[in-house]
C-alpha atoms as a PDB file:
ATOM      1  CA  MET A   1      23.270 -16.704  -4.145  1.00  0.00           C
ATOM      2  CA  GLY A   2      25.228 -16.950  -0.906  1.00  0.00           C
ATOM      3  CA  VAL A   3      23.854 -16.406   2.550  1.00  0.00           C
ATOM      4  CA  LYS A   4      24.590 -12.976   3.979  1.00  0.00           C
ATOM      5  CA  CYS A   5      25.231 -12.545   7.671  1.00  0.00           C
ATOM      6  CA  SER A   6      24.680  -9.132   9.212  1.00  0.00           C
ATOM      7  CA  LYS A   7      26.043 -10.090  12.638  1.00  0.00           C
ATOM      8  CA  ILE A   8      29.245  -8.349  13.706  1.00  0.00           C
ATOM      9  CA  PHE A   9      31.031 -10.359  16.364  1.00  0.00           C
ATOM     10  CA  THR A  10      32.680  -8.688  19.323  1.00  0.00           C
ATOM     11  CA  ASP A  11      36.224  -9.611  20.292  1.00  0.00           C
ATOM     12  CA  ASP A  12      34.852 -11.448  23.344  1.00  0.00           C
ATOM     13  CA  GLU A  13      32.622 -13.579  21.120  1.00  0.00           C
ATOM     14  CA  VAL A  14      35.496 -14.369  18.755  1.00  0.00           C
ATOM     15  CA  ARG A  15      37.783 -15.131  21.700  1.00  0.00           C
ATOM     16  CA  TYR A  16      35.262 -17.702  22.973  1.00  0.00           C
ATOM     17  CA  PHE A  17      35.764 -19.761  19.812  1.00  0.00           C
ATOM     18  CA  ILE A  18      39.505 -19.206  19.379  1.00  0.00           C
ATOM     19  CA  THR A  19      41.185 -21.132  22.150  1.00  0.00           C
ATOM     20  CA  ASP A  20      44.644 -21.444  20.590  1.00  0.00           C
ATOM     21  CA  GLU A  21      46.785 -18.509  21.794  1.00  0.00           C
ATOM     22  CA  LYS A  22      48.851 -18.241  18.577  1.00  0.00           C
ATOM     23  CA  ILE A  23      45.721 -18.110  16.430  1.00  0.00           C
ATOM     24  CA  TRP A  24      44.205 -15.462  18.733  1.00  0.00           C
ATOM     25  CA  GLU A  25      47.356 -13.324  18.449  1.00  0.00           C
ATOM     26  CA  LYS A  26      47.249 -13.617  14.663  1.00  0.00           C
ATOM     27  CA  TYR A  27      43.561 -12.616  14.629  1.00  0.00           C
ATOM     28  CA  ALA A  28      44.251  -9.604  16.866  1.00  0.00           C
ATOM     29  CA  LYS A  29      47.191  -8.469  14.712  1.00  0.00           C
ATOM     30  CA  PHE A  30      45.152  -8.877  11.509  1.00  0.00           C
ATOM     31  CA  LYS A  31      42.295  -6.836  12.992  1.00  0.00           C
ATOM     32  CA  ASN A  32      44.688  -4.094  14.130  1.00  0.00           C
ATOM     33  CA  ASN A  33      46.290  -4.029  10.663  1.00  0.00           C
ATOM     34  CA  GLN A  34      42.865  -3.539   9.064  1.00  0.00           C
ATOM     35  CA  ILE A  35      42.127  -0.629  11.389  1.00  0.00           C
ATOM     36  CA  THR A  36      45.536   0.907  10.608  1.00  0.00           C
ATOM     37  CA  GLN A  37      44.915   0.566   6.858  1.00  0.00           C
ATOM     38  CA  MET A  38      41.546   2.329   7.142  1.00  0.00           C
ATOM     39  CA  LYS A  39      43.063   5.201   9.135  1.00  0.00           C
ATOM     40  CA  VAL A  40      45.977   5.615   6.699  1.00  0.00           C
ATOM     41  CA  THR A  41      43.653   5.554   3.689  1.00  0.00           C
ATOM     42  CA  LYS A  42      41.470   8.267   5.249  1.00  0.00           C
ATOM     43  CA  MET A  43      44.604  10.363   5.770  1.00  0.00           C
ATOM     44  CA  GLY A  44      45.284  10.107   2.018  1.00  0.00           C
ATOM     45  CA  LYS A  45      48.530   8.179   2.396  1.00  0.00           C
ATOM     46  CA  ASN A  46      49.630   4.910   0.819  1.00  0.00           C
ATOM     47  CA  TYR A  47      50.178   1.694   2.651  1.00  0.00           C
ATOM     48  CA  VAL A  48      51.900  -1.475   1.521  1.00  0.00           C
ATOM     49  CA  ASN A  49      51.585  -4.932   3.004  1.00  0.00           C
ATOM     50  CA  CYS A  50      54.804  -6.939   3.041  1.00  0.00           C
ATOM     51  CA  PRO A  51      54.433  -9.673   0.376  1.00  0.00           C
ATOM     52  CA  HIS A  52      56.609 -12.191   2.222  1.00  0.00           C
ATOM     53  CA  PRO A  53      54.802 -15.325   3.420  1.00  0.00           C
ATOM     54  CA  ASP A  54      53.875 -15.213   7.104  1.00  0.00           C
ATOM     55  CA  CYS A  55      54.756 -11.503   7.377  1.00  0.00           C
ATOM     56  CA  GLU A  56      51.915  -9.206   8.373  1.00  0.00           C
ATOM     57  CA  GLU A  57      53.781  -5.887   8.455  1.00  0.00           C
ATOM     58  CA  ILE A  58      52.200  -2.754   7.033  1.00  0.00           C
ATOM     59  CA  MET A  59      54.312   0.168   5.865  1.00  0.00           C
ATOM     60  CA  ILE A  60      53.141   3.701   5.218  1.00  0.00           C
ATOM     61  CA  VAL A  61      54.860   4.968   2.078  1.00  0.00           C
ATOM     62  CA  GLU A  62      55.165   8.414   0.580  1.00  0.00           C
ATOM     63  CA  HIS A  63      53.827   8.341  -2.983  1.00  0.00           C
ATOM     64  CA  ALA A  64      57.152   9.548  -4.440  1.00  0.00           C
ATOM     65  CA  LEU A  65      58.898   6.463  -3.082  1.00  0.00           C
ATOM     66  CA  PHE A  66      56.905   4.156  -5.357  1.00  0.00           C
ATOM     67  CA  ASP A  67      58.952   5.274  -8.368  1.00  0.00           C
ATOM     68  CA  ASP A  68      62.227   3.493  -7.656  1.00  0.00           C
ATOM     69  CA  PHE A  69      62.564   2.346  -4.109  1.00  0.00           C
ATOM     70  CA  CYS A  70      63.464  -0.803  -2.246  1.00  0.00           C
ATOM     71  CA  LEU A  71      61.160  -1.264   0.720  1.00  0.00           C
ATOM     72  CA  GLU A  72      62.162  -3.152   3.817  1.00  0.00           C
ATOM     73  CA  CYS A  73      59.652  -4.090   6.480  1.00  0.00           C
ATOM     74  CA  GLU A  74      60.423  -4.195  10.196  1.00  0.00           C
ATOM     75  CA  CYS A  75      61.235  -7.907   9.865  1.00  0.00           C
ATOM     76  CA  GLY A  76      63.986  -7.117   7.337  1.00  0.00           C
ATOM     77  CA  HIS A  77      62.232  -8.423   4.209  1.00  0.00           C
ATOM     78  CA  GLN A  78      63.061  -6.483   1.057  1.00  0.00           C
ATOM     79  CA  PHE A  79      60.781  -6.140  -1.958  1.00  0.00           C
ATOM     80  CA  CYS A  80      60.066  -3.892  -4.911  1.00  0.00           C
ATOM     81  CA  ALA A  81      57.746  -1.012  -4.004  1.00  0.00           C
ATOM     82  CA  ARG A  82      56.247  -0.938  -7.484  1.00  0.00           C
ATOM     83  CA  CYS A  83      55.487  -4.558  -8.368  1.00  0.00           C
ATOM     84  CA  LYS A  84      55.655  -6.011  -4.819  1.00  0.00           C
ATOM     85  CA  ASN A  85      57.867  -8.886  -5.920  1.00  0.00           C
ATOM     86  CA  ILE A  86      60.071 -10.339  -3.233  1.00  0.00           C
ATOM     87  CA  GLY A  87      63.635  -9.180  -3.634  1.00  0.00           C
ATOM     88  CA  TRP A  88      64.536  -5.786  -4.987  1.00  0.00           C
ATOM     89  CA  HIS A  89      65.384  -5.076  -8.624  1.00  0.00           C
ATOM     90  CA  ARG A  90      65.764  -2.081 -10.909  1.00  0.00           C
ATOM     91  CA  ILE A  91      62.519  -0.396 -11.947  1.00  0.00           C
ATOM     92  CA  GLU A  92      63.116  -1.336 -15.600  1.00  0.00           C
ATOM     93  CA  GLU A  93      63.034  -4.978 -14.602  1.00  0.00           C
ATOM     94  CA  CYS A  94      59.514  -4.902 -13.077  1.00  0.00           C
ATOM     95  CA  LYS A  95      57.907  -6.076 -16.294  1.00  0.00           C
ATOM     96  CA  LYS A  96      60.428  -8.925 -16.644  1.00  0.00           C
ATOM     97  CA  VAL A  97      60.006 -10.037 -13.037  1.00  0.00           C
END
């Protein structure tokens, strides 16, 4: 059985250990994305994380758009809303992809 830690670190404590600015920015963006996801979920809406490597964008999507819709994140990456595969394709092709 693994060790469980009940300590929740503050941002100041985390910042003490993360000295690389790029890593700190990535941590801050990840934390903000988690907060956004929790808020959106409580509102009863859907969110989708961009599946492209190194992309951390979150999109709020109306449920009806999951049927047959090409999503594009703010970085310009396109992917299938249903199966989350990179690159858009017809909905009938989800199973093949």
